[in-house]
């Protein structure tokens, strides 16, 4: 059961105190509508709106501004190589996937680490605390800067970092050291909280802080979309192997062979797109599947609202925000039964769950929710009620992080 932290009632001093927080992250939106680290931007904006001085330190990437200044929010993107070659951090899957696709990018790691350390040092002057998003590399940087600044740091584990550390003998002790040194550790799911505790972090120091959700279900004016017969499934996310879109295509072929009318929009981009499009052609699904590419984040709600259900066939997830977004617009969910997702989608209550990598089971669930309007309505209503009951807004998310910050700060 999801344990959402309850913000502590602020004292009179806390109500007037304005914190200076430096947020360290390896992913942050490079332009308006960019998906990368969008949840960090939304949290930072909410904290800034509450009057706190927020500074974000993130890697540079081709085409992105070096600096952004908003009311109470400054963003600094550090350089770590020639601008057109700064391709280590961004793209589907971030640093791990980029290194997997192009091992030569590992040559940039020393420059990246030095640039991150230098920028974090410069832009943390006068900060009350550091907040690192992802255990590595931001948490590692925070640990070193906080030690020299003599200020506390908070680490948020978001999924890929702990999952990678659990499998990698070299990264595991590094991640463990970062988490043990943090004043507070937050995770986006109970499964990740368990993972942090397994690394040796005291349970009382690890808190679950879910992300918020805010979507616009209205289609942008004048935008045309691929027209398919209903029921329409939609996938939203990066096109990587672990997202399981190949299994979804196999499931669609099974439904086609059973003469079950089903079509799908694939919203997103990534390194697996070419292989997936080839699979789509090989399975003769091009008349019912459209790859529409990555769309601006503010459009996601409208794609979900116009579909009959969301399919999330991933093999691994931290806490998929797209499920929240589907709940918010009344889009039923069919997903794999994996940690993180399982905490959001209880089978036959807020969605349908199937075993990962099982195309036949996925096809059966898609047929159920796509052809049974009573079931689809039940799932959508239950999910909407649950979302409301959890109070999963970005304003509450920011309030929860402020509670974590106050716990991390020494008595003053």
Protein backbone atom coordinates (compact mmCIF):
# COMPACT_ATOMS: atom_id res chain seq x y z
CA UNK A 1 0.00 0.00 0.00
CA UNK A 2 1.36 3.41 -0.95
CA UNK A 3 2.45 5.43 2.05
CA UNK A 4 2.34 9.08 1.09
CA UNK A 5 4.12 11.22 3.63
CA UNK A 6 2.05 13.79 5.47
CA UNK A 7 3.70 17.20 5.65
CA UNK A 8 4.50 18.25 9.18
CA UNK A 9 2.60 21.27 10.46
CA UNK A 10 5.10 24.12 10.07
CA UNK A 11 6.15 26.09 13.09
CA UNK A 12 5.83 29.87 13.16
CA UNK A 13 9.51 30.15 12.25
CA UNK A 14 9.16 27.71 9.40
CA UNK A 15 6.19 29.58 7.98
CA UNK A 16 8.30 32.70 7.40
CA UNK A 17 11.66 31.07 6.67
CA UNK A 18 12.72 31.13 3.06
CA UNK A 19 15.08 28.33 2.13
CA UNK A 20 17.90 28.47 -0.39
CA UNK A 21 18.06 25.10 -2.12
CA UNK A 22 20.42 23.99 -4.87
CA UNK A 23 18.92 21.14 -6.90
CA UNK A 24 21.41 18.90 -8.69
CA UNK A 25 20.15 16.77 -11.55
CA UNK A 26 21.44 15.01 -14.65
CA UNK A 27 18.16 15.67 -16.47
CA UNK A 28 16.11 18.87 -16.82
CA UNK A 29 13.94 20.23 -19.66
CA UNK A 30 16.18 21.78 -22.30
CA UNK A 31 13.32 23.68 -23.97
CA UNK A 32 9.62 24.32 -23.55
CA UNK A 33 7.70 21.05 -23.91
CA UNK A 34 10.77 18.83 -23.34
CA UNK A 35 10.10 15.64 -21.34
CA UNK A 36 13.58 15.35 -19.80
CA UNK A 37 13.29 15.76 -16.03
CA UNK A 38 9.92 17.50 -16.40
CA UNK A 39 8.93 16.37 -12.88
CA UNK A 40 11.98 18.16 -11.43
CA UNK A 41 11.05 21.37 -13.21
CA UNK A 42 7.47 21.22 -11.93
CA UNK A 43 8.68 20.65 -8.36
CA UNK A 44 11.23 23.48 -8.62
CA UNK A 45 8.60 25.90 -9.95
CA UNK A 46 6.26 25.07 -7.07
CA UNK A 47 9.02 25.56 -4.49
CA UNK A 48 9.94 28.88 -6.09
CA UNK A 49 6.29 29.95 -6.12
CA UNK A 50 6.26 29.44 -2.34
CA UNK A 51 9.00 32.05 -2.03
CA UNK A 52 12.03 29.79 -1.67
CA UNK A 53 15.16 30.56 -3.66
CA UNK A 54 15.79 27.59 -5.94
CA UNK A 55 18.88 27.04 -8.06
CA UNK A 56 19.02 24.14 -10.51
CA UNK A 57 22.33 22.75 -11.78
CA UNK A 58 21.99 20.45 -14.81
CA UNK A 59 24.16 19.35 -17.75
CA UNK A 60 24.31 21.31 -20.96
CA UNK A 61 22.99 19.87 -24.19
CA UNK A 62 23.07 21.18 -27.79
CA UNK A 63 20.57 23.99 -28.31
CA UNK A 64 19.78 24.62 -24.65
CA UNK A 65 20.33 27.97 -22.94
CA UNK A 66 23.23 28.13 -20.52
CA UNK A 67 21.22 30.08 -17.95
CA UNK A 68 17.56 30.78 -17.22
CA UNK A 69 16.26 33.28 -14.71
CA UNK A 70 12.73 33.11 -13.36
CA UNK A 71 11.25 34.56 -10.19
CA UNK A 72 13.08 32.75 -7.35
CA UNK A 73 14.30 30.07 -9.81
CA UNK A 74 17.62 30.04 -11.61
CA UNK A 75 18.76 27.27 -13.94
CA UNK A 76 22.44 26.79 -14.77
CA UNK A 77 23.51 24.22 -17.38
CA UNK A 78 27.17 23.38 -17.06
CA UNK A 79 29.50 22.85 -19.97
CA UNK A 80 31.64 19.74 -19.98
CA UNK A 81 32.94 19.58 -23.57
CA UNK A 82 32.51 21.24 -26.94
CA UNK A 83 28.80 22.20 -26.99
CA UNK A 84 27.88 20.11 -30.03
CA UNK A 85 29.44 17.02 -28.42
CA UNK A 86 27.61 17.28 -25.09
CA UNK A 87 25.46 14.22 -25.69
CA UNK A 88 26.11 12.14 -22.59
CA UNK A 89 23.12 13.04 -20.44
CA UNK A 90 20.02 13.54 -22.59
CA UNK A 91 17.90 11.28 -24.76
CA UNK A 92 15.78 8.23 -24.01
CA UNK A 93 17.14 6.41 -20.96
CA UNK A 94 19.67 9.10 -20.06
CA UNK A 95 23.32 8.33 -19.31
CA UNK A 96 23.09 4.50 -19.00
CA UNK A 97 21.30 4.10 -22.35
CA UNK A 98 23.58 6.60 -24.08
CA UNK A 99 26.65 4.67 -22.94
CA UNK A 100 25.06 1.43 -24.06
CA UNK A 101 24.37 2.84 -27.53
CA UNK A 102 27.74 4.54 -27.87
CA UNK A 103 30.49 3.31 -25.52
CA UNK A 104 32.85 6.04 -26.77
CA UNK A 105 30.75 8.54 -24.80
CA UNK A 106 32.46 7.12 -21.71
CA UNK A 107 35.42 9.32 -22.67
CA UNK A 108 33.28 12.31 -21.67
CA UNK A 109 32.63 11.05 -18.12
CA UNK A 110 35.68 12.68 -16.44
CA UNK A 111 34.85 16.03 -18.08
CA UNK A 112 31.20 15.61 -17.11
CA UNK A 113 32.02 14.90 -13.47
CA UNK A 114 34.46 17.80 -13.23
CA UNK A 115 31.96 20.18 -14.87
CA UNK A 116 29.20 19.02 -12.54
CA UNK A 117 31.40 19.43 -9.44
CA UNK A 118 32.60 22.88 -10.45
CA UNK A 119 29.13 24.18 -11.32
CA UNK A 120 27.59 22.67 -8.17
CA UNK A 121 30.31 24.34 -6.09
CA UNK A 122 29.79 27.72 -7.74
CA UNK A 123 26.01 27.71 -7.54
CA UNK A 124 25.66 26.29 -4.03
CA UNK A 125 27.29 29.27 -2.34
CA UNK A 126 24.94 30.42 0.41
CA UNK A 127 22.62 27.40 0.00
CA UNK A 128 20.95 25.90 3.06
CA UNK A 129 21.02 22.41 1.55
CA UNK A 130 21.50 20.42 -1.64
CA UNK A 131 18.87 18.21 -3.23
CA UNK A 132 20.26 15.56 -5.58
CA UNK A 133 17.94 13.85 -8.02
CA UNK A 134 19.16 10.33 -8.74
CA UNK A 135 21.75 8.69 -6.54
CA UNK A 136 24.37 8.74 -9.29
CA UNK A 137 25.83 10.98 -10.53
CA UNK A 138 24.04 13.89 -8.81
CA UNK A 139 24.08 12.27 -5.36
CA UNK A 140 27.80 11.59 -5.61
CA UNK A 141 28.40 15.24 -6.50
CA UNK A 142 26.13 16.42 -3.68
CA UNK A 143 28.00 14.31 -1.12
CA UNK A 144 31.30 15.96 -1.99
CA UNK A 145 30.03 19.52 -2.25
CA UNK A 146 27.95 19.24 0.94
CA UNK A 147 31.00 18.02 2.84
CA UNK A 148 33.02 21.07 1.81
CA UNK A 149 30.13 23.48 2.34
CA UNK A 150 29.21 21.88 5.67
CA UNK A 151 25.55 21.72 4.69
CA UNK A 152 23.19 18.70 4.49
CA UNK A 153 22.06 17.03 1.31
CA UNK A 154 18.90 15.14 0.36
CA UNK A 155 18.83 12.41 -2.30
CA UNK A 156 15.81 11.38 -4.36
CA UNK A 157 16.09 7.89 -5.90
CA UNK A 158 13.91 7.66 -8.99
CA UNK A 159 14.29 4.07 -10.17
CA UNK A 160 17.01 3.56 -12.73
CA UNK A 161 19.72 4.60 -10.28
CA UNK A 162 18.90 2.04 -7.58
CA UNK A 163 18.05 -0.66 -10.11
CA UNK A 164 21.41 -0.19 -11.82
CA UNK A 165 23.31 -0.10 -8.52
CA UNK A 166 21.65 -3.34 -7.43
CA UNK A 167 23.05 -5.09 -10.53
CA UNK A 168 26.47 -3.46 -10.70
CA UNK A 169 29.15 -4.44 -8.20
CA UNK A 170 31.12 -1.24 -8.83
CA UNK A 171 28.21 1.18 -8.54
CA UNK A 172 26.58 -0.51 -5.54
CA UNK A 173 29.11 0.68 -2.90
CA UNK A 174 29.14 4.16 -4.46
CA UNK A 175 25.34 4.41 -4.28
CA UNK A 176 25.34 3.02 -0.74
CA UNK A 177 27.87 5.62 0.39
CA UNK A 178 25.82 8.42 -1.15
CA UNK A 179 22.60 7.27 0.50
CA UNK A 180 24.17 6.70 3.91
CA UNK A 181 25.69 10.17 3.86
CA UNK A 182 22.41 11.91 3.03
CA UNK A 183 20.45 13.66 5.75
CA UNK A 184 17.26 12.35 4.18
CA UNK A 185 16.47 9.98 1.31
CA UNK A 186 13.25 10.10 -0.67
CA UNK A 187 11.95 7.65 -3.24
CA UNK A 188 9.00 7.78 -5.62
CA UNK A 189 7.68 4.33 -4.69
CA UNK A 190 7.55 1.83 -1.85
CA UNK A 191 9.53 -0.66 -3.94
CA UNK A 192 12.39 1.84 -4.27
CA UNK A 193 12.18 2.62 -0.56
CA UNK A 194 12.71 -1.09 0.10
CA UNK A 195 15.65 -1.01 -2.30
CA UNK A 196 17.29 1.85 -0.40
CA UNK A 197 16.77 0.06 2.91
CA UNK A 198 18.36 -3.09 1.46
CA UNK A 199 21.43 -0.98 0.71
CA UNK A 200 21.68 -0.27 4.43
CA UNK A 201 19.87 3.07 4.78
CA UNK A 202 17.98 3.27 8.11
CA UNK A 203 14.23 2.94 7.43
CA UNK A 204 13.41 6.06 9.42
CA UNK A 205 15.54 8.11 7.01
CA UNK A 206 13.75 6.99 3.83
CA UNK A 207 10.42 8.56 2.87
CA UNK A 208 8.15 8.08 -0.14
CA UNK A 209 7.29 11.31 -1.94
CA UNK A 210 5.20 10.66 -5.06
CA UNK A 211 5.27 13.10 -7.94
CA UNK A 212 2.30 15.28 -8.69
CA UNK A 213 0.15 15.27 -11.79
CA UNK A 214 -1.26 18.06 -13.93
CA UNK A 215 -2.48 17.44 -17.46
CA UNK A 216 -4.45 19.29 -20.12
CA UNK A 217 -6.83 16.95 -21.98
CA UNK A 218 -7.51 19.48 -24.78
CA UNK A 219 -6.03 18.82 -28.22
CA UNK A 220 -3.96 21.73 -29.57
CA UNK A 221 -5.91 23.81 -32.09
CA UNK A 222 -5.59 22.63 -35.67
CA UNK A 223 -3.62 19.49 -34.89
CA UNK A 224 -4.47 16.47 -37.02
CA UNK A 225 -3.92 12.95 -35.73
CA UNK A 226 -3.74 9.49 -37.34
CA UNK A 227 -7.32 8.26 -37.67
CA UNK A 228 -7.98 4.65 -36.73
CA UNK A 229 -11.11 2.72 -35.78
CA UNK A 230 -11.87 2.29 -32.11
CA UNK A 231 -11.02 0.98 -29.64
CA UNK A 232 -7.73 2.88 -29.66
CA UNK A 233 -4.85 1.96 -27.39
CA UNK A 234 -2.05 4.44 -26.68
CA UNK A 235 1.49 4.00 -25.44
CA UNK A 236 3.34 7.07 -24.13
CA UNK A 237 7.02 6.88 -23.29
CA UNK A 238 10.54 6.44 -24.57
CA UNK A 239 11.09 3.71 -27.13
CA UNK A 240 13.64 1.53 -25.37
CA UNK A 241 13.88 -2.22 -24.99
CA UNK A 242 12.78 -2.23 -21.36
CA UNK A 243 9.52 -0.45 -22.25
CA UNK A 244 8.18 -3.63 -23.87
CA UNK A 245 6.60 -1.99 -26.93
CA UNK A 246 7.66 -5.03 -28.99
CA UNK A 247 5.42 -7.16 -26.75
CA UNK A 248 2.58 -4.70 -27.31
CA UNK A 249 2.98 -5.06 -31.08
CA UNK A 250 2.89 -8.86 -30.75
CA UNK A 251 -0.30 -8.50 -28.71
CA UNK A 252 -1.84 -6.30 -31.40
CA UNK A 253 -1.02 -8.96 -34.01
CA UNK A 254 -2.75 -11.58 -31.85
CA UNK A 255 -5.86 -9.38 -31.64
CA UNK A 256 -5.79 -8.77 -35.38
CA UNK A 257 -5.64 -12.52 -36.03
CA UNK A 258 -8.66 -12.97 -33.74
CA UNK A 259 -10.56 -10.27 -35.70
CA UNK A 260 -10.70 -8.05 -32.61
CA UNK A 261 -10.83 -4.42 -33.80
CA UNK A 262 -7.93 -2.63 -32.09
CA UNK A 263 -5.61 0.17 -33.14
CA UNK A 264 -2.80 2.02 -31.39
CA UNK A 265 -0.90 5.27 -31.20
CA UNK A 266 2.74 5.00 -30.16
CA UNK A 267 3.69 8.37 -28.67
CA UNK A 268 7.41 8.73 -28.04
CA UNK A 269 10.82 8.25 -29.54
CA UNK A 270 14.05 6.48 -28.74
CA UNK A 271 16.75 4.08 -29.89
CA UNK A 272 14.35 1.16 -30.47
CA UNK A 273 12.04 3.05 -32.82
CA UNK A 274 13.54 1.78 -36.07
CA UNK A 275 13.41 -1.85 -34.93
CA UNK A 276 9.84 -1.40 -33.69
CA UNK A 277 8.71 0.15 -36.98
CA UNK A 278 10.28 -2.76 -38.83
CA UNK A 279 8.48 -5.20 -36.53
CA UNK A 280 5.24 -3.35 -37.22
CA UNK A 281 5.73 -3.76 -40.97
CA UNK A 282 6.71 -7.40 -40.58
CA UNK A 283 3.55 -8.11 -38.58
CA UNK A 284 1.45 -6.20 -41.15
CA UNK A 285 0.14 -3.78 -38.55
CA UNK A 286 0.76 -0.52 -40.38
CA UNK A 287 -2.96 -0.06 -41.05
CA UNK A 288 -3.69 0.01 -37.31
CA UNK A 289 -0.52 1.33 -35.62
CA UNK A 290 0.95 4.85 -35.93
CA UNK A 291 4.30 5.97 -34.58
CA UNK A 292 3.71 9.66 -33.94
CA UNK A 293 7.08 10.47 -32.37
CA UNK A 294 7.80 12.48 -29.26
CA UNK A 295 5.23 15.14 -28.52
CA UNK A 296 5.53 18.13 -26.15
CA UNK A 297 4.68 17.20 -22.59
CA UNK A 298 1.69 19.53 -22.48
CA UNK A 299 0.07 17.43 -25.25
CA UNK A 300 0.26 14.11 -23.38
CA UNK A 301 -3.08 14.58 -21.64
CA UNK A 302 -4.91 15.06 -24.94
CA UNK A 303 -3.46 11.85 -26.46
CA UNK A 304 -4.56 9.94 -23.37
CA UNK A 305 -7.98 11.59 -23.31
CA UNK A 306 -8.68 10.63 -26.94
CA UNK A 307 -7.58 7.01 -26.53
CA UNK A 308 -9.73 4.24 -25.09
CA UNK A 309 -6.98 2.91 -22.82
CA UNK A 310 -3.29 3.22 -22.03
CA UNK A 311 -0.93 0.28 -22.48
CA UNK A 312 2.25 0.27 -20.38
CA UNK A 313 4.05 -3.02 -21.15
CA UNK A 314 7.33 -2.15 -19.36
CA UNK A 315 9.74 -4.65 -17.86
CA UNK A 316 10.98 -2.11 -15.30
CA UNK A 317 9.63 1.18 -13.92
CA UNK A 318 10.26 3.47 -10.98
CA UNK A 319 6.93 5.27 -10.56
CA UNK A 320 5.48 5.88 -14.06
CA UNK A 321 3.98 9.35 -14.12
CA UNK A 322 2.05 8.50 -17.29
CA UNK A 323 -0.21 6.29 -15.16
CA UNK A 324 -1.10 9.30 -13.00
CA UNK A 325 -1.79 11.27 -16.17
CA UNK A 326 -4.06 8.53 -17.52
CA UNK A 327 -5.95 8.43 -14.22
CA UNK A 328 -6.39 12.22 -14.38
CA UNK A 329 -8.17 12.16 -17.76
CA UNK A 330 -10.22 8.99 -17.21
CA UNK A 331 -8.14 6.73 -19.44
CA UNK A 332 -8.18 3.07 -18.27
CA UNK A 333 -4.80 1.39 -17.86
CA UNK A 334 -3.44 -1.98 -18.95
CA UNK A 335 0.06 -2.51 -17.53
CA UNK A 336 2.60 -5.11 -16.53
CA UNK A 337 2.62 -6.41 -12.98
CA UNK A 338 5.96 -4.97 -11.82
CA UNK A 339 7.06 -3.00 -8.73
CA UNK A 340 6.25 0.70 -8.93
CA UNK A 341 3.45 0.21 -11.43
CA UNK A 342 1.79 -2.37 -9.17
CA UNK A 343 1.51 0.26 -6.41
CA UNK A 344 -0.59 2.44 -8.70
CA UNK A 345 -2.59 -0.09 -10.70
CA UNK A 346 -4.34 -2.62 -8.52
CA UNK A 347 -5.61 -5.41 -10.76
CA UNK A 348 -9.27 -5.11 -11.77
CA UNK A 349 -9.65 -2.09 -9.50
CA UNK A 350 -7.71 0.81 -11.08
CA UNK A 351 -6.54 -1.11 -14.14
CA UNK A 352 -5.60 -4.53 -15.47
CA UNK A 353 -2.21 -6.10 -14.73
CA UNK A 354 -0.49 -8.80 -16.75
CA UNK A 355 2.87 -10.60 -16.46
CA UNK A 356 5.72 -8.82 -18.25
CA UNK A 357 6.86 -10.17 -21.65
CA UNK A 358 3.60 -12.12 -22.08
CA UNK A 359 2.01 -11.02 -25.37
CA UNK A 360 -0.91 -13.41 -25.07
CA UNK A 361 -1.89 -12.18 -21.59
CA UNK A 362 -1.46 -8.58 -22.72
CA UNK A 363 -3.70 -9.19 -25.74
CA UNK A 364 -6.41 -10.70 -23.50
CA UNK A 365 -6.32 -7.70 -21.16
CA UNK A 366 -6.42 -5.25 -24.07
CA UNK A 367 -9.42 -7.09 -25.49
CA UNK A 368 -11.20 -6.99 -22.13
CA UNK A 369 -10.82 -3.28 -21.54
CA UNK A 370 -11.27 -2.36 -25.20
CA UNK A 371 -14.52 -4.25 -25.73
CA UNK A 372 -16.16 -4.01 -22.30
CA UNK A 373 -17.39 -0.45 -21.75
CA UNK A 374 -18.70 -1.27 -18.26
CA UNK A 375 -15.27 -2.54 -17.18
CA UNK A 376 -13.47 0.42 -18.77
CA UNK A 377 -15.78 2.88 -17.02
CA UNK A 378 -15.31 1.10 -13.69
CA UNK A 379 -11.52 1.23 -13.97
CA UNK A 380 -11.54 4.90 -14.96
CA UNK A 381 -13.87 5.91 -12.11
CA UNK A 382 -11.92 3.97 -9.48
CA UNK A 383 -8.65 5.44 -10.69
CA UNK A 384 -10.04 8.98 -10.64
CA UNK A 385 -11.33 8.52 -7.08
CA UNK A 386 -7.98 7.14 -5.92
CA UNK A 387 -6.06 10.01 -7.52
CA UNK A 388 -8.29 12.54 -5.78
CA UNK A 389 -7.97 10.76 -2.44
CA UNK A 390 -4.16 10.79 -2.65
CA UNK A 391 -4.01 14.53 -3.30
CA UNK A 392 -1.32 14.03 -5.93
CA UNK A 393 -0.79 17.61 -7.02
CA UNK A 394 2.52 19.39 -7.61
CA UNK A 395 1.66 21.84 -4.85
CA UNK A 396 1.37 18.98 -2.34
CA UNK A 397 4.52 17.37 -3.76
CA UNK A 398 6.44 20.60 -3.10
CA UNK A 399 4.97 20.82 0.40
CA UNK A 400 6.13 17.28 1.10
CA UNK A 401 9.65 18.09 -0.05
CA UNK A 402 9.69 21.15 2.20
CA UNK A 403 8.86 18.83 5.09
CA UNK A 404 11.81 16.63 4.10
CA UNK A 405 14.10 19.68 3.88
CA UNK A 406 13.09 20.88 7.33
CA UNK A 407 13.86 17.43 8.75
CA UNK A 408 17.26 17.41 7.00
CA UNK A 409 18.30 20.84 8.24
CA UNK A 410 20.06 21.13 11.60
CA UNK A 411 18.23 23.05 14.30
CA UNK A 412 18.81 26.72 13.80
